[in-house]
Structure formats: C-alpha cells, structure tokens
Amino acid sequence: MRVVQLGPYSPPHGGIQAHVVALRKFLQENGVVCDVIDLNRFRKTDGKGVFGPTNAVALFWLLLRLPADILHLHIGGDITLRLLALSLICCWLPGRKSVLTFHSGGYPSSPEGAKASSRTIRGKILSQFDHVIGVNEDIVEVFRRYGLAARNVSLIQPHALPANPPDVELPQSIKSFFSDHHPVLLSVGLLEPEYDLPLQVEVLDGLKDRFPEAGLIMIGSGGLESDLRRLVESKPYRSRVLVTGDLDRAITLRVIADCDLFLRTTLFDGDSISLREALHFGVPVIATDRAPRPAGVRIIPAQNLAALQSGIEAQLIENRSKQPVGSLDNRNLEAVLSIYNEMVETE
C-alpha cells in the first residue's frame, strides 16, 4: 500500500503536524510506503519522501506524479475555498481513494459550522471523500449535518504520545532557566491571537508574591512572535519569561515532561496534542473552557486573568507528585490504518 498525506509537516509543530508525523512513522513501521506533501507555510522538500510544492500548479503535478492508493488530507481551522478546491482534486483523481481528517476546535461553533447542511457547497464537496475523520464529537456532528453517510465517518482522536520522555540534552538557555526558576510554567503552540498568550505573561506579575521564582517558557512561533517578545521586554519581570521559538520535537517533549504546570489559554481549540502529552507525562494542566478537555484538566473560563491566577495558585499549592502514564497506545493510529486496509481491499 502507498499513502500520500497532505498537511502541515515541517515546524512550527502544532497539533496537526505532530499527528501527521506520528502517523507517517507508524505507517512506515507497518510496511506502508508513506510520502508527505507538506502544506505548511515553511514547507520544504527533504529528498526523503517529504515534498514542499511552492505553488498550486506544483502541488497539482505532485498529486498526478506520486503513486498512491490513498490520498489523506489533513486540515484545521476553517474550510476555505482553497481547501475545498484541493479536496475536489484529491477526490476526483482516478485510481486513488480519498480520506479527510478535520482537526478543528472552533469550526463547529463558527458561523459556517452552525450553517452546516447537505445543501451547502461544503456538504456536497465533503461528501465526495471516501472516508472522513473527525477528532472530536462536535466535528463528527458537523459531518452528519453536511449529509455524509454514517458509514463513511469516523471519530478518531489524534495521536502522538511517546512511551517515555526523550532522553535528550536540553539547550543551555533552557537548562539555565530550569535552574533559576521554580515552578516552571509552560505553553506550547502557535504564537497567534487565538492562544491568548499575553494573558500568560500578565499572570506572572500576580504570582510574584506567592511564587517569586516562578518562570514561564513559551515554545512555538507565529505571526505574533515579535509583538510577544516586545511585551515580555517591557515587563520588569522579563527574566522570568523565556520565548524559545520553535524547538526540535524531542526537546519540546522533554521540556513538557520536566515542567511543573502546563497552560492552554486558547480562545478556541481542537483536541490539543501537546495538552495530552503533558497529561501523559503526569504534568498538571490548566486549560480554558473553549473546547472539550480530557479528564484531569483544571478548566477555567477564557480571557479571565483572575481565574488563571487562582487556578495556577491552587494547582501549585496542591503540589501533587507527577504520575506519568508511561505506556504507549497506538489504537488511534491502528484505527486509521484499518480504514486504509478496508478501502484498499474493497476496490
């Protein structure tokens, strides 16, 4: 079997990237040839099965040229006209089955999601896929309202949980930050407005009396990186915030495992992989109420500085010891492979 995944693959490593990387690795380990067409804005071709087309024409020719039994498109956020056009191409190319995974927290409650109907253009195009996957029940419900047949819709949560934290050496700047600050709070994600990152910077000021040595590490990159760095530099407690930019995934996982508290202050969200990684390593998590959250997460209202501060203080005062899960469950990845096998066998 040959699979071509289409989706963001190169850094910055958000939730979709982590899932695509994990799925590709799992497929290769199970004897499936898997190429990737990287749709990230920083995409590049690595010469080892990852292709970074520079424009729509190059993308189309890649789809024609790459041998594939299955084309698997991964999208998040909104279903734009550009993505609808790409969906049609994936569905209409002869000799290939098409699969869509929709990773999105905000779409079901967006105006377009609320209007989901089988009579819409989106419904008609999405129904062309041989199989669609939603990462939570809200997205699956949107697919139902778009009129997709139940047999062609699956609920499969994204998966990228390693058995144990990688045994890697942290960069000196991060090692020094851990040495100089306790407790260490952590945020991992895109530096974009929907992550409400200035709230995390502001909350450190309120923590200074009870936790004067507390520090915040922010991993990721995005359109607000320059603004965020300027905000940090404007604070008298600037030394207590470390904005790292993108890091190698193994290093990111190590930092997640080593931190004292993980923050997810999003204004809308999907099934956050970094949040699940923190829980997996036994790290306490505080997250906003803008998406379904796994059991064990302390949930607070979004855009509420007082609630974030009180939640952090309560969590740190409890000071529960970490209890890592320490096991690897590939059932979600196995479910995707099972869909592939069934589609190929029924040709």
Protein backbone atom coordinates (compact mmCIF):
# COMPACT_ATOMS: atom_id res chain seq x y z
CA MET A 1 0.00 0.00 0.00
CA ARG A 2 1.13 3.54 -0.79
CA VAL A 3 -0.24 6.54 1.08
CA VAL A 4 0.30 10.23 0.42
CA GLN A 5 -0.54 12.52 3.31
CA LEU A 6 -1.27 16.18 2.62
CA GLY A 7 -0.95 18.56 5.53
CA PRO A 8 1.46 20.66 7.61
CA TYR A 9 4.59 18.65 8.36
CA SER A 10 7.55 20.95 8.99
CA PRO A 11 7.86 23.28 12.02
CA PRO A 12 6.18 25.05 13.72
CA HIS A 13 4.94 21.79 15.25
CA GLY A 14 1.31 22.31 16.13
CA GLY A 15 -1.21 19.57 16.77
CA ILE A 16 -1.80 18.64 13.14
CA GLN A 17 1.92 18.45 12.39
CA ALA A 18 2.53 16.17 15.36
CA HIS A 19 -0.26 13.86 14.22
CA VAL A 20 0.92 13.72 10.59
CA VAL A 21 4.50 12.98 11.72
CA ALA A 22 3.33 10.26 14.13
CA LEU A 23 1.02 8.66 11.56
CA ARG A 24 3.73 8.59 8.91
CA LYS A 25 6.18 6.94 11.31
CA PHE A 26 3.57 4.37 12.35
CA LEU A 27 2.68 3.54 8.74
CA GLN A 28 6.32 3.12 7.76
CA GLU A 29 6.89 0.82 10.73
CA ASN A 30 4.00 -1.30 9.46
CA GLY A 31 5.31 -1.66 5.92
CA VAL A 32 3.25 1.11 4.31
CA VAL A 33 5.01 3.47 1.91
CA CYS A 34 4.02 6.97 3.02
CA ASP A 35 5.01 10.21 1.32
CA VAL A 36 4.01 13.64 2.57
CA ILE A 37 3.06 16.79 0.68
CA ASP A 38 3.88 19.49 3.20
CA LEU A 39 1.31 22.29 3.25
CA ASN A 40 2.97 24.33 6.00
CA ARG A 41 3.95 27.89 5.11
CA PHE A 42 7.61 26.98 5.81
CA ARG A 43 7.41 23.81 3.72
CA LYS A 44 10.41 22.30 2.04
CA THR A 45 11.38 19.16 0.16
CA ASP A 46 13.74 16.88 2.07
CA GLY A 47 14.52 14.31 -0.65
CA LYS A 48 13.24 11.52 1.61
CA GLY A 49 9.57 11.43 0.76
CA VAL A 50 8.56 14.88 2.00
CA PHE A 51 7.65 17.35 -0.71
CA GLY A 52 7.13 21.10 -0.37
CA PRO A 53 5.43 22.42 -3.52
CA THR A 54 5.89 26.16 -3.95
CA ASN A 55 2.55 26.86 -5.63
CA ALA A 56 -0.78 25.33 -6.63
CA VAL A 57 0.48 24.15 -10.01
CA ALA A 58 3.43 22.32 -8.43
CA LEU A 59 1.06 20.76 -5.90
CA PHE A 60 -1.25 19.52 -8.67
CA TRP A 61 1.62 17.97 -10.61
CA LEU A 62 2.87 16.25 -7.48
CA LEU A 63 -0.55 14.68 -6.95
CA LEU A 64 -0.53 13.43 -10.52
CA ARG A 65 3.03 12.11 -10.32
CA LEU A 66 3.22 10.48 -6.90
CA PRO A 67 1.98 6.87 -6.89
CA ALA A 68 -0.70 6.39 -4.23
CA ASP A 69 -3.52 4.09 -3.30
CA ILE A 70 -4.79 6.61 -0.76
CA LEU A 71 -4.62 10.40 -0.52
CA HIS A 72 -5.12 11.57 3.07
CA LEU A 73 -5.77 15.30 3.52
CA HIS A 74 -5.37 16.87 6.98
CA ILE A 75 -6.91 20.31 7.56
CA GLY A 76 -7.70 22.52 10.54
CA GLY A 77 -9.29 25.86 11.30
CA ASP A 78 -11.72 26.90 8.56
CA ILE A 79 -12.68 25.06 5.38
CA THR A 80 -11.56 27.69 2.90
CA LEU A 81 -12.26 27.83 -0.83
CA ARG A 82 -8.64 26.85 -1.45
CA LEU A 83 -9.04 23.75 0.72
CA LEU A 84 -12.34 22.91 -0.95
CA ALA A 85 -10.63 23.03 -4.35
CA LEU A 86 -7.83 20.80 -3.07
CA SER A 87 -10.44 18.43 -1.64
CA LEU A 88 -12.09 18.08 -5.04
CA ILE A 89 -8.77 17.32 -6.70
CA CYS A 90 -7.99 14.61 -4.11
CA CYS A 91 -11.44 13.09 -4.56
CA TRP A 92 -11.50 13.16 -8.33
CA LEU A 93 -8.03 11.85 -9.17
CA PRO A 94 -8.53 8.41 -10.73
CA GLY A 95 -7.17 5.26 -9.12
CA ARG A 96 -6.92 6.77 -5.63
CA LYS A 97 -9.10 6.61 -2.55
CA SER A 98 -9.51 9.83 -0.58
CA VAL A 99 -9.56 10.41 3.19
CA LEU A 100 -10.03 13.65 5.10
CA THR A 101 -9.15 14.33 8.74
CA PHE A 102 -10.54 17.60 10.08
CA HIS A 103 -8.64 18.92 13.11
CA SER A 104 -10.51 21.95 14.44
CA GLY A 105 -11.88 23.23 17.71
CA GLY A 106 -13.51 26.40 16.53
CA TYR A 107 -15.24 25.37 13.32
CA PRO A 108 -18.30 23.59 14.79
CA SER A 109 -19.29 26.77 16.65
CA SER A 110 -18.31 29.16 13.84
CA PRO A 111 -20.97 30.76 11.58
CA GLU A 112 -20.10 28.35 8.76
CA GLY A 113 -20.17 25.36 11.08
CA ALA A 114 -23.52 26.41 12.50
CA LYS A 115 -24.95 26.54 8.97
CA ALA A 116 -23.71 23.06 8.05
CA SER A 117 -26.19 21.38 5.73
CA SER A 118 -26.21 18.81 2.96
CA ARG A 119 -27.47 21.57 0.64
CA THR A 120 -24.32 23.68 1.02
CA ILE A 121 -21.31 23.62 -1.29
CA ARG A 122 -19.16 22.40 1.60
CA GLY A 123 -21.52 19.49 2.23
CA LYS A 124 -21.56 18.48 -1.42
CA ILE A 125 -17.76 18.59 -1.68
CA LEU A 126 -17.02 16.84 1.62
CA SER A 127 -19.38 14.02 0.67
CA GLN A 128 -17.02 13.24 -2.24
CA PHE A 129 -14.41 11.79 0.15
CA ASP A 130 -14.37 8.02 0.51
CA HIS A 131 -13.93 8.47 4.28
CA VAL A 132 -13.77 11.41 6.69
CA ILE A 133 -12.37 11.52 10.22
CA GLY A 134 -13.25 13.99 12.96
CA VAL A 135 -11.04 14.35 16.02
CA ASN A 136 -13.95 15.05 18.38
CA GLU A 137 -17.70 14.51 18.54
CA ASP A 138 -18.52 18.12 17.63
CA ILE A 139 -16.73 17.77 14.29
CA VAL A 140 -18.37 14.41 13.62
CA GLU A 141 -21.76 16.04 14.24
CA VAL A 142 -20.91 18.74 11.69
CA PHE A 143 -20.14 15.99 9.15
CA ARG A 144 -23.53 14.43 9.87
CA ARG A 145 -25.28 17.75 9.25
CA TYR A 146 -23.35 18.08 6.00
CA GLY A 147 -25.13 14.90 4.95
CA LEU A 148 -22.21 12.47 4.95
CA ALA A 149 -23.14 8.82 5.26
CA ALA A 150 -22.53 7.46 8.76
CA ARG A 151 -20.53 4.50 7.40
CA ASN A 152 -18.04 6.96 5.89
CA VAL A 153 -17.47 8.98 9.08
CA SER A 154 -15.20 8.02 12.00
CA LEU A 155 -14.31 9.64 15.30
CA ILE A 156 -10.57 9.14 15.83
CA GLN A 157 -8.61 11.37 18.16
CA PRO A 158 -5.15 12.48 17.01
CA HIS A 159 -2.27 10.57 18.48
CA ALA A 160 1.36 11.38 19.08
CA LEU A 161 2.14 10.13 22.58
CA PRO A 162 5.60 8.60 23.13
CA ALA A 163 6.09 5.91 25.75
CA ASN A 164 8.61 7.99 27.70
CA PRO A 165 10.13 11.47 27.50
CA PRO A 166 13.02 11.52 25.00
CA ASP A 167 16.45 11.23 26.58
CA VAL A 168 17.90 14.38 25.01
CA GLU A 169 20.15 17.20 26.14
CA LEU A 170 18.28 20.47 26.60
CA PRO A 171 19.74 23.70 25.15
CA GLN A 172 21.78 25.60 27.72
CA SER A 173 19.31 28.50 27.81
CA ILE A 174 16.51 26.15 28.86
CA LYS A 175 18.68 24.24 31.34
CA SER A 176 19.65 27.53 32.96
CA PHE A 177 16.02 28.66 33.07
CA PHE A 178 15.01 25.48 34.89
CA SER A 179 17.88 26.00 37.35
CA ASP A 180 16.95 29.63 38.05
CA HIS A 181 13.15 29.31 38.24
CA HIS A 182 10.69 27.24 40.20
CA PRO A 183 7.97 26.39 39.50
CA VAL A 184 8.25 26.44 35.70
CA LEU A 185 5.05 27.02 33.73
CA LEU A 186 4.95 26.01 30.07
CA SER A 187 2.97 26.90 26.97
CA VAL A 188 3.38 25.11 23.63
CA GLY A 189 1.65 26.25 20.45
CA LEU A 190 1.49 28.80 17.71
CA LEU A 191 2.17 32.41 18.64
CA GLU A 192 -1.17 33.58 17.29
CA PRO A 193 -4.10 35.58 18.74
CA GLU A 194 -6.27 32.53 19.44
CA TYR A 195 -3.74 31.27 22.03
CA ASP A 196 -4.19 34.41 24.21
CA LEU A 197 -0.52 34.35 25.18
CA PRO A 198 -0.32 37.90 26.64
CA LEU A 199 -2.61 36.61 29.42
CA GLN A 200 0.09 34.10 30.40
CA VAL A 201 2.73 36.84 30.53
CA GLU A 202 0.49 39.09 32.63
CA VAL A 203 -0.32 36.37 35.15
CA LEU A 204 3.33 36.13 36.24
CA ASP A 205 3.03 39.57 37.82
CA GLY A 206 0.18 38.35 40.03
CA LEU A 207 2.16 35.28 41.07
CA LYS A 208 5.24 37.18 42.26
CA ASP A 209 4.23 37.41 45.93
CA ARG A 210 3.39 33.75 46.45
CA PHE A 211 5.78 32.29 43.86
CA PRO A 212 8.58 34.85 43.38
CA GLU A 213 10.81 32.42 41.46
CA ALA A 214 8.11 31.19 39.06
CA GLY A 215 9.04 31.24 35.38
CA LEU A 216 7.22 30.79 32.07
CA ILE A 217 8.59 29.05 28.97
CA MET A 218 6.73 29.67 25.71
CA ILE A 219 7.56 27.29 22.85
CA GLY A 220 6.43 27.98 19.31
CA SER A 221 6.44 30.56 16.54
CA GLY A 222 3.89 32.57 14.63
CA GLY A 223 2.72 35.95 13.49
CA LEU A 224 2.75 37.46 16.98
CA GLU A 225 6.29 36.45 17.90
CA SER A 226 7.77 39.95 17.57
CA ASP A 227 4.87 41.52 19.48
CA LEU A 228 5.12 38.91 22.21
CA ARG A 229 8.86 39.44 22.62
CA ARG A 230 8.30 43.21 22.87
CA LEU A 231 5.63 42.65 25.51
CA VAL A 232 7.98 40.47 27.54
CA GLU A 233 10.81 43.01 27.27
CA SER A 234 8.50 45.76 28.55
CA LYS A 235 7.95 43.92 31.84
CA PRO A 236 10.15 44.37 34.93
CA TYR A 237 9.97 40.59 35.35
CA ARG A 238 11.22 39.92 31.80
CA SER A 239 13.87 37.49 33.06
CA ARG A 240 11.11 35.16 34.24
CA VAL A 241 9.80 34.59 30.69
CA LEU A 242 11.65 32.60 28.02
CA VAL A 243 10.28 32.68 24.45
CA THR A 244 12.18 29.91 22.69
CA GLY A 245 10.74 29.90 19.18
CA ASP A 246 10.34 26.50 17.55
CA LEU A 247 12.28 23.61 19.05
CA ASP A 248 13.05 20.11 17.88
CA ARG A 249 10.14 17.87 18.79
CA ALA A 250 12.23 15.65 21.07
CA ILE A 251 13.39 18.70 23.04
CA THR A 252 9.82 20.02 23.25
CA LEU A 253 8.64 16.71 24.69
CA ARG A 254 11.48 16.76 27.22
CA VAL A 255 10.52 20.28 28.34
CA ILE A 256 6.85 19.24 28.63
CA ALA A 257 7.83 16.32 30.84
CA ASP A 258 10.12 18.45 33.01
CA CYS A 259 7.84 21.46 33.59
CA ASP A 260 5.69 21.89 36.70
CA LEU A 261 2.47 23.13 35.09
CA PHE A 262 1.17 23.23 31.51
CA LEU A 263 -1.01 26.13 30.32
CA ARG A 264 -3.51 26.14 27.45
CA THR A 265 -5.32 29.51 27.35
CA THR A 266 -6.84 29.21 23.88
CA LEU A 267 -9.89 31.15 22.72
CA PHE A 268 -10.90 28.14 20.61
CA ASP A 269 -9.20 24.80 20.29
CA GLY A 270 -9.19 21.27 18.97
CA ASP A 271 -8.01 18.15 20.72
CA SER A 272 -4.63 19.57 21.71
CA ILE A 273 -1.86 17.01 21.35
CA SER A 274 0.59 18.99 23.50
CA LEU A 275 -2.02 19.09 26.27
CA ARG A 276 -2.44 15.31 26.08
CA GLU A 277 1.34 14.90 26.08
CA ALA A 278 1.52 16.86 29.33
CA LEU A 279 -1.16 14.69 30.93
CA HIS A 280 0.61 11.62 29.58
CA PHE A 281 3.79 12.61 31.44
CA GLY A 282 1.87 13.34 34.64
CA VAL A 283 2.12 17.13 34.36
CA PRO A 284 -0.88 19.08 35.74
CA VAL A 285 -2.75 21.11 33.11
CA ILE A 286 -4.83 24.28 33.25
CA ALA A 287 -6.89 24.97 30.13
CA THR A 288 -9.70 27.27 29.09
CA ASP A 289 -13.26 26.11 28.57
CA ARG A 290 -13.31 26.72 24.82
CA ALA A 291 -13.04 23.04 23.82
CA PRO A 292 -13.77 19.59 25.23
CA ARG A 293 -10.89 18.70 27.55
CA PRO A 294 -9.66 15.29 28.73
CA ALA A 295 -10.26 14.14 32.27
CA GLY A 296 -7.74 15.52 34.75
CA VAL A 297 -7.53 19.04 33.30
CA ARG A 298 -8.31 22.02 35.57
CA ILE A 299 -10.68 24.10 33.43
CA ILE A 300 -11.01 27.89 33.72
CA PRO A 301 -13.01 30.50 31.76
CA ALA A 302 -11.19 32.04 28.82
CA GLN A 303 -9.83 35.60 28.86
CA ASN A 304 -10.03 35.72 32.65
CA LEU A 305 -6.78 36.77 34.31
CA ALA A 306 -8.08 36.32 37.85
CA ALA A 307 -9.30 32.80 37.11
CA LEU A 308 -5.98 31.87 35.53
CA GLN A 309 -4.04 33.18 38.53
CA SER A 310 -6.23 31.46 41.10
CA GLY A 311 -6.14 28.23 39.11
CA ILE A 312 -2.34 28.29 38.93
CA GLU A 313 -2.02 29.06 42.63
CA ALA A 314 -4.45 26.30 43.60
CA GLN A 315 -2.69 23.79 41.39
CA LEU A 316 0.77 24.67 42.67
CA ILE A 317 -0.33 24.71 46.30
CA GLU A 318 -1.75 21.20 45.86
CA ASN A 319 1.74 20.26 44.62
CA ARG A 320 0.73 16.77 43.62
CA SER A 321 3.57 14.50 42.54
CA LYS A 322 3.74 13.63 38.87
CA GLN A 323 2.34 10.27 37.91
CA PRO A 324 3.42 9.57 34.33
CA VAL A 325 1.23 7.26 32.28
CA GLY A 326 4.35 5.62 30.89
CA SER A 327 2.68 3.49 28.23
CA LEU A 328 2.18 3.82 24.52
CA ASP A 329 -1.25 3.25 22.99
CA ASN A 330 -1.36 3.07 19.19
CA ARG A 331 -5.07 2.33 18.92
CA ASN A 332 -5.86 5.61 17.19
CA LEU A 333 -3.16 5.10 14.59
CA GLU A 334 -4.22 1.48 14.17
CA ALA A 335 -7.78 2.70 13.51
CA VAL A 336 -6.57 4.89 10.64
CA LEU A 337 -4.59 2.01 9.14
CA SER A 338 -7.66 -0.22 9.46
CA ILE A 339 -9.66 2.30 7.42
CA TYR A 340 -6.95 2.29 4.76
CA ASN A 341 -6.89 -1.52 4.60
CA GLU A 342 -10.66 -1.76 4.28
CA MET A 343 -10.72 0.81 1.50
CA VAL A 344 -7.97 -0.91 -0.49
CA GLU A 345 -9.47 -4.38 0.00
CA THR A 346 -12.90 -3.27 -1.28
CA GLU A 347 -11.57 -1.86 -4.56
